[in-house]
Amino acid sequence: MTDSTSPVSTRRHGRVLEITLTNPPRGYMNARMANDLLDTVRAAQIDDSVGAILVTGGIAGVFIRHYDVGEIANVSAALADGRIGPENFDKGSAVLGLIKTMLDSPIPTVAAINGMCMGGGCEFALSFDMRVAQEGDYRIGLPETRLGIIPGVGGQYLLARLIGPARATAAVMRGAVFSPDEACRLGVVDELVADARARGLELAQQYAARPRIGIDATRRLARMIEAGGDGNALLDQTAREFAGTLIDSPETDRLIARFLNEGEDILAD
C-alpha cells in the first residue's frame, strides 16, 4: 500500500512509471525522501512491466530545491562530537545509494525538471539518462561551495560527465547555478521546453517502447566508454554485443521481419 504521507508518489502510464516528488513547503530533499525514492526506484528496476522511469516535481516551480540544510547541520554536529566519522559517508547513505542506483539503472530514466533544482536535487537530476528542463525563472546547479562544502554525492563527477572536467571543476568551485537557458546551452540539460513533464513523458514512452535487449547492450557499452576503455576493446565488445542482440531474441527477429516486409519507413515511426 502506498504511504499517503510519503513525499514520493507514483503513477503508471503503460510501461512508464512516473514518480512525483512533493515535500512542502519548500520542496527539499531529505533522508525520508531519499529512502522512499531509493525503495521506489529499486522496485521499478526489478519489475519487468516497467520500461522507463520519469521523475518530476510536484510543487509549483520546484523539482527538488536542494537537500535540507538543516539535516546537513545535524550531520556536521554529529561529526564534531564524534558520533559519526567520515567513513560513514560512503556506507549506508540513502542519497549516495540513490545516485549509484540511478547510474546503474537497467531501465532508461528521464528527469522532467520543472523548477528549482540545486545542490542534492541537481546531483540527483545529473544521474539520469536524460534531463528535460522547463522554461522559466529558476536555477539549476551546484552552489555548495557558497556554504563551505562540496557537492557530497558525486556532483562534480556527474557534471564532468556532461560538460567536461575543467568546466565542471570551475562551476563547482564558484558554486555556479544556471538559468534553464544557460543549463541547456552548456549541456547540463538536454532539452528546454514549455512543459517538461509532457515532453519527459513522451521521451520515456519512446524509451519504454524499445526492446530491452538493445537497451541492456547499450548500457553495458556505456559503462565501458565511461571507464575509458581501450578503443579496440570497445570495438570488439560492440561486435559481441551486436551478435548478442541477434541470438535467441524473438523480439529482434519480429522487428527485422517487419522491416523486411514493410520497408524502412517503420524506422521513422
C-alpha atoms as a PDB file:
ATOM      1  CA  MET A   1       0.000   0.000   0.000  1.00  0.00           C
ATOM      2  CA  THR A   2       1.283   3.482  -0.869  1.00  0.00           C
ATOM      3  CA  ASP A   3       2.052   5.678   2.141  1.00  0.00           C
ATOM      4  CA  SER A   4      -0.023   8.830   1.673  1.00  0.00           C
ATOM      5  CA  THR A   5       2.430  10.779   3.845  1.00  0.00           C
ATOM      6  CA  SER A   6       5.424   9.979   1.658  1.00  0.00           C
ATOM      7  CA  PRO A   7       6.961  12.774  -0.428  1.00  0.00           C
ATOM      8  CA  VAL A   8       7.209  10.223  -3.240  1.00  0.00           C
ATOM      9  CA  SER A   9       4.136   9.205  -5.255  1.00  0.00           C
ATOM     10  CA  THR A  10       3.815   7.128  -8.413  1.00  0.00           C
ATOM     11  CA  ARG A  11       1.554   6.785 -11.417  1.00  0.00           C
ATOM     12  CA  ARG A  12       1.672   4.356 -14.335  1.00  0.00           C
ATOM     13  CA  HIS A  13       1.434   5.296 -17.993  1.00  0.00           C
ATOM     14  CA  GLY A  14       1.624   1.918 -19.675  1.00  0.00           C
ATOM     15  CA  ARG A  15       5.267   0.832 -19.319  1.00  0.00           C
ATOM     16  CA  VAL A  16       6.370   4.195 -17.900  1.00  0.00           C
ATOM     17  CA  LEU A  17       6.480   4.729 -14.146  1.00  0.00           C
ATOM     18  CA  GLU A  18       6.067   8.405 -13.281  1.00  0.00           C
ATOM     19  CA  ILE A  19       7.473   9.422  -9.884  1.00  0.00           C
ATOM     20  CA  THR A  20       6.352  12.758  -8.443  1.00  0.00           C
ATOM     21  CA  LEU A  21       8.265  14.440  -5.613  1.00  0.00           C
ATOM     22  CA  THR A  22       6.241  16.582  -3.208  1.00  0.00           C
ATOM     23  CA  ASN A  23       7.770  17.776   0.049  1.00  0.00           C
ATOM     24  CA  PRO A  24       6.062  21.045   1.051  1.00  0.00           C
ATOM     25  CA  PRO A  25       6.503  23.818   1.756  1.00  0.00           C
ATOM     26  CA  ARG A  26       9.915  24.305   0.112  1.00  0.00           C
ATOM     27  CA  GLY A  27      10.442  21.068  -1.769  1.00  0.00           C
ATOM     28  CA  TYR A  28      13.696  19.992  -0.118  1.00  0.00           C
ATOM     29  CA  MET A  29      15.171  16.533  -0.428  1.00  0.00           C
ATOM     30  CA  ASN A  30      15.712  14.926   2.967  1.00  0.00           C
ATOM     31  CA  ALA A  31      16.522  11.479   4.317  1.00  0.00           C
ATOM     32  CA  ARG A  32      12.868  10.398   4.160  1.00  0.00           C
ATOM     33  CA  MET A  33      12.555  11.376   0.504  1.00  0.00           C
ATOM     34  CA  ALA A  34      15.875   9.763  -0.399  1.00  0.00           C
ATOM     35  CA  ASN A  35      14.942   6.468   1.271  1.00  0.00           C
ATOM     36  CA  ASP A  36      11.473   6.403  -0.288  1.00  0.00           C
ATOM     37  CA  LEU A  37      12.920   7.250  -3.702  1.00  0.00           C
ATOM     38  CA  LEU A  38      15.536   4.518  -3.381  1.00  0.00           C
ATOM     39  CA  ASP A  39      12.883   1.933  -2.493  1.00  0.00           C
ATOM     40  CA  THR A  40      10.643   3.072  -5.365  1.00  0.00           C
ATOM     41  CA  VAL A  41      13.402   3.035  -7.970  1.00  0.00           C
ATOM     42  CA  ARG A  42      14.720  -0.354  -6.885  1.00  0.00           C
ATOM     43  CA  ALA A  43      11.229  -1.857  -7.049  1.00  0.00           C
ATOM     44  CA  ALA A  44      10.739  -0.434 -10.560  1.00  0.00           C
ATOM     45  CA  GLN A  45      14.060  -1.813 -11.755  1.00  0.00           C
ATOM     46  CA  ILE A  46      13.087  -5.402 -10.969  1.00  0.00           C
ATOM     47  CA  ASP A  47       9.573  -5.044 -12.406  1.00  0.00           C
ATOM     48  CA  ASP A  48       9.565  -6.383 -15.967  1.00  0.00           C
ATOM     49  CA  SER A  49       6.432  -4.362 -16.733  1.00  0.00           C
ATOM     50  CA  VAL A  50       8.329  -1.077 -16.240  1.00  0.00           C
ATOM     51  CA  GLY A  51      10.239   0.059 -19.316  1.00  0.00           C
ATOM     52  CA  ALA A  52      11.272   3.571 -18.231  1.00  0.00           C
ATOM     53  CA  ILE A  53      11.194   5.900 -15.223  1.00  0.00           C
ATOM     54  CA  LEU A  54      10.108   9.537 -15.330  1.00  0.00           C
ATOM     55  CA  VAL A  55      10.646  11.824 -12.319  1.00  0.00           C
ATOM     56  CA  THR A  56       9.182  15.297 -11.874  1.00  0.00           C
ATOM     57  CA  GLY A  57       8.441  17.784  -9.117  1.00  0.00           C
ATOM     58  CA  GLY A  58       5.023  18.100  -7.527  1.00  0.00           C
ATOM     59  CA  ILE A  59       5.342  21.623  -6.080  1.00  0.00           C
ATOM     60  CA  ALA A  60       4.874  24.571  -8.428  1.00  0.00           C
ATOM     61  CA  GLY A  61       8.250  25.900  -9.513  1.00  0.00           C
ATOM     62  CA  VAL A  62      10.268  23.141  -7.807  1.00  0.00           C
ATOM     63  CA  PHE A  63      11.847  19.880  -8.964  1.00  0.00           C
ATOM     64  CA  ILE A  64      13.978  19.415  -5.837  1.00  0.00           C
ATOM     65  CA  ARG A  65      15.058  22.764  -4.406  1.00  0.00           C
ATOM     66  CA  HIS A  66      18.144  21.278  -2.730  1.00  0.00           C
ATOM     67  CA  TYR A  67      18.983  18.943   0.142  1.00  0.00           C
ATOM     68  CA  ASP A  68      17.661  20.019   3.533  1.00  0.00           C
ATOM     69  CA  VAL A  69      20.464  22.165   5.000  1.00  0.00           C
ATOM     70  CA  GLY A  70      19.056  21.588   8.486  1.00  0.00           C
ATOM     71  CA  GLU A  71      19.827  17.893   8.139  1.00  0.00           C
ATOM     72  CA  ILE A  72      23.327  18.758   6.898  1.00  0.00           C
ATOM     73  CA  ALA A  73      23.825  20.900  10.021  1.00  0.00           C
ATOM     74  CA  ASN A  74      22.813  17.926  12.182  1.00  0.00           C
ATOM     75  CA  VAL A  75      25.376  15.767  10.401  1.00  0.00           C
ATOM     76  CA  SER A  76      28.004  18.443  10.981  1.00  0.00           C
ATOM     77  CA  ALA A  77      27.221  18.413  14.697  1.00  0.00           C
ATOM     78  CA  ALA A  78      27.409  14.591  14.807  1.00  0.00           C
ATOM     79  CA  LEU A  79      30.833  14.716  13.138  1.00  0.00           C
ATOM     80  CA  ALA A  80      32.018  17.381  15.558  1.00  0.00           C
ATOM     81  CA  ASP A  81      31.163  15.382  18.674  1.00  0.00           C
ATOM     82  CA  GLY A  82      32.356  12.060  17.286  1.00  0.00           C
ATOM     83  CA  ARG A  83      29.003  10.292  16.980  1.00  0.00           C
ATOM     84  CA  ILE A  84      29.861   9.524  13.345  1.00  0.00           C
ATOM     85  CA  GLY A  85      33.063   9.629  11.291  1.00  0.00           C
ATOM     86  CA  PRO A  86      33.895  10.383   7.654  1.00  0.00           C
ATOM     87  CA  GLU A  87      33.891   6.645   6.934  1.00  0.00           C
ATOM     88  CA  ASN A  88      30.113   6.635   7.453  1.00  0.00           C
ATOM     89  CA  PHE A  89      29.589   8.692   4.310  1.00  0.00           C
ATOM     90  CA  ASP A  90      30.461   6.022   1.767  1.00  0.00           C
ATOM     91  CA  LYS A  91      28.319   3.426   3.542  1.00  0.00           C
ATOM     92  CA  GLY A  92      24.638   3.428   4.201  1.00  0.00           C
ATOM     93  CA  SER A  93      23.832   6.869   2.786  1.00  0.00           C
ATOM     94  CA  ALA A  94      20.432   6.710   1.104  1.00  0.00           C
ATOM     95  CA  VAL A  95      21.303   9.622  -1.180  1.00  0.00           C
ATOM     96  CA  LEU A  96      24.585   8.071  -2.310  1.00  0.00           C
ATOM     97  CA  GLY A  97      22.808   4.745  -2.773  1.00  0.00           C
ATOM     98  CA  LEU A  98      20.148   6.507  -4.826  1.00  0.00           C
ATOM     99  CA  ILE A  99      22.725   8.122  -7.130  1.00  0.00           C
ATOM    100  CA  LYS A 100      24.519   4.796  -7.655  1.00  0.00           C
ATOM    101  CA  THR A 101      21.231   3.029  -8.307  1.00  0.00           C
ATOM    102  CA  MET A 102      20.230   5.615 -10.903  1.00  0.00           C
ATOM    103  CA  LEU A 103      23.594   5.425 -12.672  1.00  0.00           C
ATOM    104  CA  ASP A 104      23.383   1.634 -12.774  1.00  0.00           C
ATOM    105  CA  SER A 105      19.701   1.521 -13.731  1.00  0.00           C
ATOM    106  CA  PRO A 106      18.835  -1.288 -16.151  1.00  0.00           C
ATOM    107  CA  ILE A 107      15.924   0.791 -17.453  1.00  0.00           C
ATOM    108  CA  PRO A 108      16.084   4.278 -19.015  1.00  0.00           C
ATOM    109  CA  THR A 109      15.468   7.297 -16.803  1.00  0.00           C
ATOM    110  CA  VAL A 110      14.183  10.785 -17.642  1.00  0.00           C
ATOM    111  CA  ALA A 111      14.181  13.821 -15.325  1.00  0.00           C
ATOM    112  CA  ALA A 112      11.466  16.382 -16.077  1.00  0.00           C
ATOM    113  CA  ILE A 113      12.955  19.416 -14.328  1.00  0.00           C
ATOM    114  CA  ASN A 114      10.022  21.744 -13.778  1.00  0.00           C
ATOM    115  CA  GLY A 115      11.539  24.180 -11.306  1.00  0.00           C
ATOM    116  CA  MET A 116      14.312  24.811  -8.776  1.00  0.00           C
ATOM    117  CA  CYS A 117      16.976  22.123  -8.967  1.00  0.00           C
ATOM    118  CA  MET A 118      20.076  22.827  -6.895  1.00  0.00           C
ATOM    119  CA  GLY A 119      22.531  21.001  -4.673  1.00  0.00           C
ATOM    120  CA  GLY A 120      21.455  17.444  -3.911  1.00  0.00           C
ATOM    121  CA  GLY A 121      18.468  17.868  -6.210  1.00  0.00           C
ATOM    122  CA  CYS A 122      20.769  18.757  -9.084  1.00  0.00           C
ATOM    123  CA  GLU A 123      23.090  15.845  -8.291  1.00  0.00           C
ATOM    124  CA  PHE A 124      20.071  13.548  -8.446  1.00  0.00           C
ATOM    125  CA  ALA A 125      18.998  15.011 -11.800  1.00  0.00           C
ATOM    126  CA  LEU A 126      22.523  14.633 -13.191  1.00  0.00           C
ATOM    127  CA  SER A 127      22.349  10.874 -12.560  1.00  0.00           C
ATOM    128  CA  PHE A 128      19.547  10.398 -15.130  1.00  0.00           C
ATOM    129  CA  ASP A 129      19.934   9.305 -18.730  1.00  0.00           C
ATOM    130  CA  MET A 130      18.181  12.443 -19.944  1.00  0.00           C
ATOM    131  CA  ARG A 131      17.166  15.778 -18.464  1.00  0.00           C
ATOM    132  CA  VAL A 132      14.365  17.928 -19.882  1.00  0.00           C
ATOM    133  CA  ALA A 133      14.099  21.400 -18.353  1.00  0.00           C
ATOM    134  CA  GLN A 134      11.038  23.617 -18.342  1.00  0.00           C
ATOM    135  CA  GLU A 135      11.302  27.227 -19.442  1.00  0.00           C
ATOM    136  CA  GLY A 136      11.089  29.667 -16.546  1.00  0.00           C
ATOM    137  CA  ASP A 137      12.849  31.851 -13.998  1.00  0.00           C
ATOM    138  CA  TYR A 138      14.573  29.361 -11.699  1.00  0.00           C
ATOM    139  CA  ARG A 139      18.034  27.890 -11.190  1.00  0.00           C
ATOM    140  CA  ILE A 140      19.833  24.613 -11.827  1.00  0.00           C
ATOM    141  CA  GLY A 141      23.254  23.977 -10.344  1.00  0.00           C
ATOM    142  CA  LEU A 142      25.635  23.149  -7.529  1.00  0.00           C
ATOM    143  CA  PRO A 143      26.021  26.062  -5.079  1.00  0.00           C
ATOM    144  CA  GLU A 144      27.579  24.064  -2.218  1.00  0.00           C
ATOM    145  CA  THR A 145      30.918  25.906  -2.071  1.00  0.00           C
ATOM    146  CA  ARG A 146      28.975  29.036  -1.085  1.00  0.00           C
ATOM    147  CA  LEU A 147      28.403  27.213   2.241  1.00  0.00           C
ATOM    148  CA  GLY A 148      31.972  25.962   2.531  1.00  0.00           C
ATOM    149  CA  ILE A 149      31.092  22.402   1.492  1.00  0.00           C
ATOM    150  CA  ILE A 150      31.186  20.486  -1.788  1.00  0.00           C
ATOM    151  CA  PRO A 151      28.552  18.508  -3.692  1.00  0.00           C
ATOM    152  CA  GLY A 152      28.502  15.453  -1.445  1.00  0.00           C
ATOM    153  CA  VAL A 153      27.125  12.659  -3.614  1.00  0.00           C
ATOM    154  CA  GLY A 154      29.125  12.955  -6.802  1.00  0.00           C
ATOM    155  CA  GLY A 155      28.019  16.276  -8.265  1.00  0.00           C
ATOM    156  CA  GLN A 156      31.439  17.219  -9.631  1.00  0.00           C
ATOM    157  CA  TYR A 157      31.884  13.818 -11.280  1.00  0.00           C
ATOM    158  CA  LEU A 158      28.318  13.766 -12.590  1.00  0.00           C
ATOM    159  CA  LEU A 159      28.629  17.250 -14.059  1.00  0.00           C
ATOM    160  CA  ALA A 160      32.012  16.405 -15.604  1.00  0.00           C
ATOM    161  CA  ARG A 161      30.393  13.530 -17.498  1.00  0.00           C
ATOM    162  CA  LEU A 162      28.230  16.104 -19.265  1.00  0.00           C
ATOM    163  CA  ILE A 163      30.365  19.211 -19.748  1.00  0.00           C
ATOM    164  CA  GLY A 164      33.944  18.003 -19.185  1.00  0.00           C
ATOM    165  CA  PRO A 165      36.217  18.023 -16.110  1.00  0.00           C
ATOM    166  CA  ALA A 166      37.603  21.540 -16.493  1.00  0.00           C
ATOM    167  CA  ARG A 167      34.252  23.281 -16.863  1.00  0.00           C
ATOM    168  CA  ALA A 168      32.702  21.146 -14.123  1.00  0.00           C
ATOM    169  CA  THR A 169      35.525  21.943 -11.707  1.00  0.00           C
ATOM    170  CA  ALA A 170      35.251  25.668 -12.446  1.00  0.00           C
ATOM    171  CA  ALA A 171      31.481  25.561 -11.951  1.00  0.00           C
ATOM    172  CA  VAL A 172      31.711  23.709  -8.643  1.00  0.00           C
ATOM    173  CA  MET A 173      34.486  25.965  -7.296  1.00  0.00           C
ATOM    174  CA  ARG A 174      32.391  29.075  -7.841  1.00  0.00           C
ATOM    175  CA  GLY A 175      29.151  27.453  -6.684  1.00  0.00           C
ATOM    176  CA  ALA A 176      27.576  28.101 -10.056  1.00  0.00           C
ATOM    177  CA  VAL A 177      23.860  27.965 -10.666  1.00  0.00           C
ATOM    178  CA  PHE A 178      22.375  28.406 -14.120  1.00  0.00           C
ATOM    179  CA  SER A 179      19.146  29.566 -15.646  1.00  0.00           C
ATOM    180  CA  PRO A 180      17.392  26.835 -17.660  1.00  0.00           C
ATOM    181  CA  ASP A 181      18.592  28.535 -20.864  1.00  0.00           C
ATOM    182  CA  GLU A 182      22.211  28.544 -19.666  1.00  0.00           C
ATOM    183  CA  ALA A 183      21.962  24.933 -18.478  1.00  0.00           C
ATOM    184  CA  CYS A 184      20.746  23.864 -21.902  1.00  0.00           C
ATOM    185  CA  ARG A 185      23.459  25.790 -23.759  1.00  0.00           C
ATOM    186  CA  LEU A 186      26.143  24.209 -21.567  1.00  0.00           C
ATOM    187  CA  GLY A 187      24.749  20.693 -21.957  1.00  0.00           C
ATOM    188  CA  VAL A 188      23.729  20.302 -18.309  1.00  0.00           C
ATOM    189  CA  VAL A 189      20.208  19.577 -19.571  1.00  0.00           C
ATOM    190  CA  ASP A 190      19.354  18.047 -22.933  1.00  0.00           C
ATOM    191  CA  GLU A 191      16.232  19.975 -23.895  1.00  0.00           C
ATOM    192  CA  LEU A 192      14.453  23.187 -22.911  1.00  0.00           C
ATOM    193  CA  VAL A 193      10.679  23.016 -23.386  1.00  0.00           C
ATOM    194  CA  ALA A 194       7.443  24.720 -22.396  1.00  0.00           C
ATOM    195  CA  ASP A 195       6.158  21.660 -20.486  1.00  0.00           C
ATOM    196  CA  ALA A 196       8.887  19.432 -19.057  1.00  0.00           C
ATOM    197  CA  ARG A 197       6.550  16.768 -17.732  1.00  0.00           C
ATOM    198  CA  ALA A 198       4.724  16.345 -21.058  1.00  0.00           C
ATOM    199  CA  ARG A 199       7.954  16.150 -23.042  1.00  0.00           C
ATOM    200  CA  GLY A 200       9.567  13.909 -20.433  1.00  0.00           C
ATOM    201  CA  LEU A 201       6.654  11.504 -20.624  1.00  0.00           C
ATOM    202  CA  GLU A 202       6.881  11.472 -24.410  1.00  0.00           C
ATOM    203  CA  LEU A 203      10.577  10.588 -24.267  1.00  0.00           C
ATOM    204  CA  ALA A 204      10.092   7.988 -21.527  1.00  0.00           C
ATOM    205  CA  GLN A 205       7.404   6.299 -23.612  1.00  0.00           C
ATOM    206  CA  GLN A 206       9.803   6.169 -26.565  1.00  0.00           C
ATOM    207  CA  TYR A 207      12.471   4.522 -24.405  1.00  0.00           C
ATOM    208  CA  ALA A 208       9.954   2.090 -22.922  1.00  0.00           C
ATOM    209  CA  ALA A 209       8.838   1.014 -26.397  1.00  0.00           C
ATOM    210  CA  ARG A 210      12.314  -0.202 -27.358  1.00  0.00           C
ATOM    211  CA  PRO A 211      13.207  -3.879 -26.905  1.00  0.00           C
ATOM    212  CA  ARG A 212      15.048  -4.427 -23.640  1.00  0.00           C
ATOM    213  CA  ILE A 213      17.855  -6.432 -25.223  1.00  0.00           C
ATOM    214  CA  GLY A 214      19.186  -3.410 -27.120  1.00  0.00           C
ATOM    215  CA  ILE A 215      18.859  -1.129 -24.093  1.00  0.00           C
ATOM    216  CA  ASP A 216      20.840  -3.569 -21.943  1.00  0.00           C
ATOM    217  CA  ALA A 217      23.640  -3.862 -24.518  1.00  0.00           C
ATOM    218  CA  THR A 218      23.813  -0.085 -24.918  1.00  0.00           C
ATOM    219  CA  ARG A 219      24.152   0.353 -21.157  1.00  0.00           C
ATOM    220  CA  ARG A 220      26.978  -2.165 -20.904  1.00  0.00           C
ATOM    221  CA  LEU A 221      28.886  -0.365 -23.659  1.00  0.00           C
ATOM    222  CA  ALA A 222      28.241   2.997 -21.982  1.00  0.00           C
ATOM    223  CA  ARG A 223      29.918   1.765 -18.807  1.00  0.00           C
ATOM    224  CA  MET A 224      32.971   0.676 -20.792  1.00  0.00           C
ATOM    225  CA  ILE A 225      33.131   4.017 -22.615  1.00  0.00           C
ATOM    226  CA  GLU A 226      32.836   5.951 -19.363  1.00  0.00           C
ATOM    227  CA  ALA A 227      35.599   3.867 -17.789  1.00  0.00           C
ATOM    228  CA  GLY A 228      37.905   4.945 -20.614  1.00  0.00           C
ATOM    229  CA  GLY A 229      38.197   1.532 -22.179  1.00  0.00           C
ATOM    230  CA  ASP A 230      40.686   0.856 -24.946  1.00  0.00           C
ATOM    231  CA  GLY A 231      39.267   1.690 -28.381  1.00  0.00           C
ATOM    232  CA  ASN A 232      39.966  -1.725 -29.878  1.00  0.00           C
ATOM    233  CA  ALA A 233      38.471  -3.463 -26.852  1.00  0.00           C
ATOM    234  CA  LEU A 234      35.366  -1.298 -27.178  1.00  0.00           C
ATOM    235  CA  LEU A 235      35.019  -2.149 -30.858  1.00  0.00           C
ATOM    236  CA  ASP A 236      35.400  -5.857 -30.099  1.00  0.00           C
ATOM    237  CA  GLN A 237      32.834  -5.658 -27.289  1.00  0.00           C
ATOM    238  CA  THR A 238      30.448  -3.752 -29.569  1.00  0.00           C
ATOM    239  CA  ALA A 239      30.669  -6.550 -32.132  1.00  0.00           C
ATOM    240  CA  ARG A 240      29.928  -9.130 -29.428  1.00  0.00           C
ATOM    241  CA  GLU A 241      27.002  -7.115 -28.104  1.00  0.00           C
ATOM    242  CA  PHE A 242      25.614  -6.758 -31.625  1.00  0.00           C
ATOM    243  CA  ALA A 243      25.783 -10.511 -32.089  1.00  0.00           C
ATOM    244  CA  GLY A 244      24.086 -10.949 -28.740  1.00  0.00           C
ATOM    245  CA  THR A 245      21.087  -8.905 -29.882  1.00  0.00           C
ATOM    246  CA  LEU A 246      20.644 -11.325 -32.793  1.00  0.00           C
ATOM    247  CA  ILE A 247      20.871 -14.575 -30.834  1.00  0.00           C
ATOM    248  CA  ASP A 248      17.787 -16.021 -29.160  1.00  0.00           C
ATOM    249  CA  SER A 249      15.891 -12.755 -29.454  1.00  0.00           C
ATOM    250  CA  PRO A 250      12.336 -13.300 -30.723  1.00  0.00           C
ATOM    251  CA  GLU A 251      11.579  -9.578 -30.450  1.00  0.00           C
ATOM    252  CA  THR A 252      14.571  -8.715 -32.638  1.00  0.00           C
ATOM    253  CA  ASP A 253      13.537 -11.380 -35.143  1.00  0.00           C
ATOM    254  CA  ARG A 254       9.997  -9.979 -35.255  1.00  0.00           C
ATOM    255  CA  LEU A 255      11.155  -6.402 -35.805  1.00  0.00           C
ATOM    256  CA  ILE A 256      13.630  -7.327 -38.523  1.00  0.00           C
ATOM    257  CA  ALA A 257      10.930  -9.362 -40.284  1.00  0.00           C
ATOM    258  CA  ARG A 258       8.584  -6.384 -40.079  1.00  0.00           C
ATOM    259  CA  PHE A 259      11.260  -4.153 -41.593  1.00  0.00           C
ATOM    260  CA  LEU A 260      11.785  -6.573 -44.470  1.00  0.00           C
ATOM    261  CA  ASN A 261       8.033  -6.827 -45.075  1.00  0.00           C
ATOM    262  CA  GLU A 262       7.023  -3.196 -44.630  1.00  0.00           C
ATOM    263  CA  GLY A 263      10.128  -1.239 -45.592  1.00  0.00           C
ATOM    264  CA  GLU A 264      12.373   1.298 -43.952  1.00  0.00           C
ATOM    265  CA  ASP A 265       9.588   3.788 -43.241  1.00  0.00           C
ATOM    266  CA  ILE A 266       8.938   1.956 -39.966  1.00  0.00           C
ATOM    267  CA  LEU A 267      12.243   3.374 -38.662  1.00  0.00           C
ATOM    268  CA  ALA A 268      10.760   6.857 -38.799  1.00  0.00           C
ATOM    269  CA  ASP A 269       7.666   5.988 -36.739  1.00  0.00           C
END
